[in-house]
Protein backbone atom coordinates (compact mmCIF):
# COMPACT_ATOMS: atom_id res chain seq x y z
CA MET A 1 107.85 -69.60 43.27
CA GLN A 2 103.99 -69.39 44.07
CA THR A 3 103.46 -66.73 41.48
CA CYS A 4 105.36 -68.92 38.69
CA TYR A 5 102.81 -71.88 39.81
CA LYS A 6 99.66 -69.61 39.59
CA ARG A 7 100.78 -68.64 36.27
CA PHE A 8 101.35 -72.14 35.07
CA ILE A 9 97.91 -73.20 36.34
CA LEU A 10 96.15 -69.88 34.87
CA SER A 11 97.80 -70.66 31.43
CA LEU A 12 96.86 -74.33 31.60
CA VAL A 13 93.16 -73.27 32.26
CA LEU A 14 93.26 -70.65 29.50
CA LEU A 15 94.55 -73.42 26.97
CA THR A 16 91.91 -75.86 28.11
CA THR A 17 89.28 -73.28 27.58
CA LEU A 18 90.65 -72.21 24.23
CA PHE A 19 90.81 -75.82 22.82
CA MET A 20 87.05 -76.61 24.28
CA LEU A 21 85.83 -73.47 22.50
CA THR A 22 87.54 -74.22 19.18
CA GLY A 23 85.87 -77.58 19.29
CA CYS A 24 82.57 -76.01 19.63
CA GLU A 25 83.18 -73.68 16.45
CA ASN A 26 81.91 -76.28 13.80
CA TYR A 27 78.98 -77.89 15.80
CA ALA A 28 76.80 -78.43 12.72
CA GLU A 29 79.49 -80.34 11.09
CA LYS A 30 80.06 -82.54 14.05
CA THR A 31 76.52 -83.55 14.64
CA HIS A 32 75.84 -87.21 14.28
CA LYS A 33 73.23 -87.88 11.18
CA SER A 34 70.85 -89.60 13.62
CA TRP A 35 70.40 -86.11 15.40
CA VAL A 36 69.48 -84.25 12.45
CA PRO A 37 65.72 -84.30 11.66
CA PRO A 38 64.44 -86.59 8.76
CA PRO A 39 63.47 -85.10 5.45
CA SER A 40 59.75 -84.85 5.11
CA ALA A 41 57.92 -87.90 3.64
CA PRO A 42 57.12 -88.12 -0.09
CA VAL A 43 53.62 -86.66 -0.80
CA TYR A 44 51.52 -88.88 -3.12
CA ASP A 45 48.63 -87.26 -5.05
CA ASP A 46 45.20 -88.75 -5.07
CA SER A 47 45.23 -89.97 -8.72
CA THR A 48 48.29 -92.04 -8.42
CA ILE A 49 46.87 -93.57 -5.20
CA TYR A 50 43.85 -94.41 -7.14
CA ALA A 51 45.66 -95.76 -10.12
CA ARG A 52 47.83 -97.95 -7.68
CA ILE A 53 44.81 -99.33 -5.83
CA MET A 54 42.99 -100.00 -9.28
CA ALA A 55 45.77 -101.78 -10.74
CA ALA A 56 46.10 -103.93 -7.48
CA ILE A 57 42.44 -104.84 -7.45
CA GLN A 58 42.28 -105.63 -11.36
CA SER A 59 45.24 -107.65 -11.29
CA ASP A 60 44.16 -109.93 -8.44
CA PRO A 61 42.46 -113.15 -9.73
CA THR A 62 40.69 -113.48 -6.63
CA LEU A 63 38.62 -110.38 -7.34
CA GLN A 64 37.18 -111.63 -10.33
CA GLY A 65 33.26 -111.13 -10.35
CA SER A 66 33.45 -108.18 -7.92
CA ASN A 67 32.01 -104.83 -8.68
CA ILE A 68 34.25 -102.07 -6.64
CA GLU A 69 34.47 -98.43 -6.89
CA VAL A 70 37.22 -96.44 -5.43
CA LYS A 71 37.30 -92.85 -4.55
CA VAL A 72 40.43 -90.92 -3.28
CA THR A 73 40.10 -87.54 -1.44
CA GLU A 74 43.33 -86.34 0.19
CA GLY A 75 44.71 -89.86 0.75
CA ASN A 76 41.36 -91.09 2.33
CA VAL A 77 40.12 -93.99 0.26
CA SER A 78 36.49 -94.72 0.16
CA LEU A 79 35.65 -98.18 -1.26
CA THR A 80 32.01 -99.06 -2.22
CA GLY A 81 30.39 -101.81 -4.50
CA PHE A 82 29.81 -105.54 -4.22
CA VAL A 83 31.92 -108.88 -3.65
CA ILE A 84 30.82 -112.42 -3.57
CA ASN A 85 32.52 -113.54 -0.55
CA GLU A 86 34.39 -112.47 2.71
CA ASP A 87 37.83 -113.27 0.96
CA GLN A 88 37.18 -110.81 -1.54
CA LEU A 89 36.27 -108.17 1.07
CA THR A 90 39.49 -108.73 3.00
CA ARG A 91 41.59 -108.63 -0.18
CA VAL A 92 40.21 -105.26 -1.40
CA ASN A 93 40.65 -103.72 2.02
CA MET A 94 44.37 -105.24 2.08
CA HIS A 95 45.08 -103.85 -1.64
CA SER A 96 43.99 -100.43 -0.31
CA TRP A 97 46.01 -100.18 2.95
CA ILE A 98 49.27 -101.37 1.20
CA ILE A 99 49.46 -98.54 -1.07
CA ASP A 100 51.81 -95.79 -0.02
CA GLY A 101 50.07 -92.38 0.84
CA VAL A 102 46.79 -93.97 2.00
CA LYS A 103 45.83 -92.28 5.37
CA LYS A 104 42.42 -93.85 6.13
CA VAL A 105 40.06 -96.61 4.30
CA ASP A 106 36.45 -96.27 4.43
CA ASN A 107 35.29 -99.73 3.45
CA GLN A 108 31.58 -99.50 2.53
CA ILE A 109 31.67 -102.64 0.28
CA VAL A 110 28.64 -105.12 0.63
CA LYS A 111 28.88 -108.93 0.35
CA LYS A 112 26.34 -110.44 -1.94
C-alpha cells in the first residue's frame, strides 16, 4: 500500500514539474509589454531643430522688432542677438526649449 502511495506522490510531483516547465517554454511571448525595453527615441537633426525654432520665432507677433540668431549643434541651441524687452527674451527661450530634440539652450540674447 505504501509503495502505491509513494508512486502516486512521485507521479504527481513529476506531472506538476512537467506542467511548470512547459509554461516557461515561451517566456518571451508571455512577457508583459511594460517589461520590454521601450524603443529608442526619435533622432532629430540640427537642420530640423533650427527650422522649427526659426518658424516659431518668426510667427510670434510678440517678437516683432527683435534680431535673433540661432545656431544648432548636435541638439544644443545657441541664441544670440537683441530683443526689446524681457517678455521677448522669455518667449525666445520658450520657443527654443519647446522644440523636440533640443538638449540644451545657451541664451546669450541681450535686452536693448
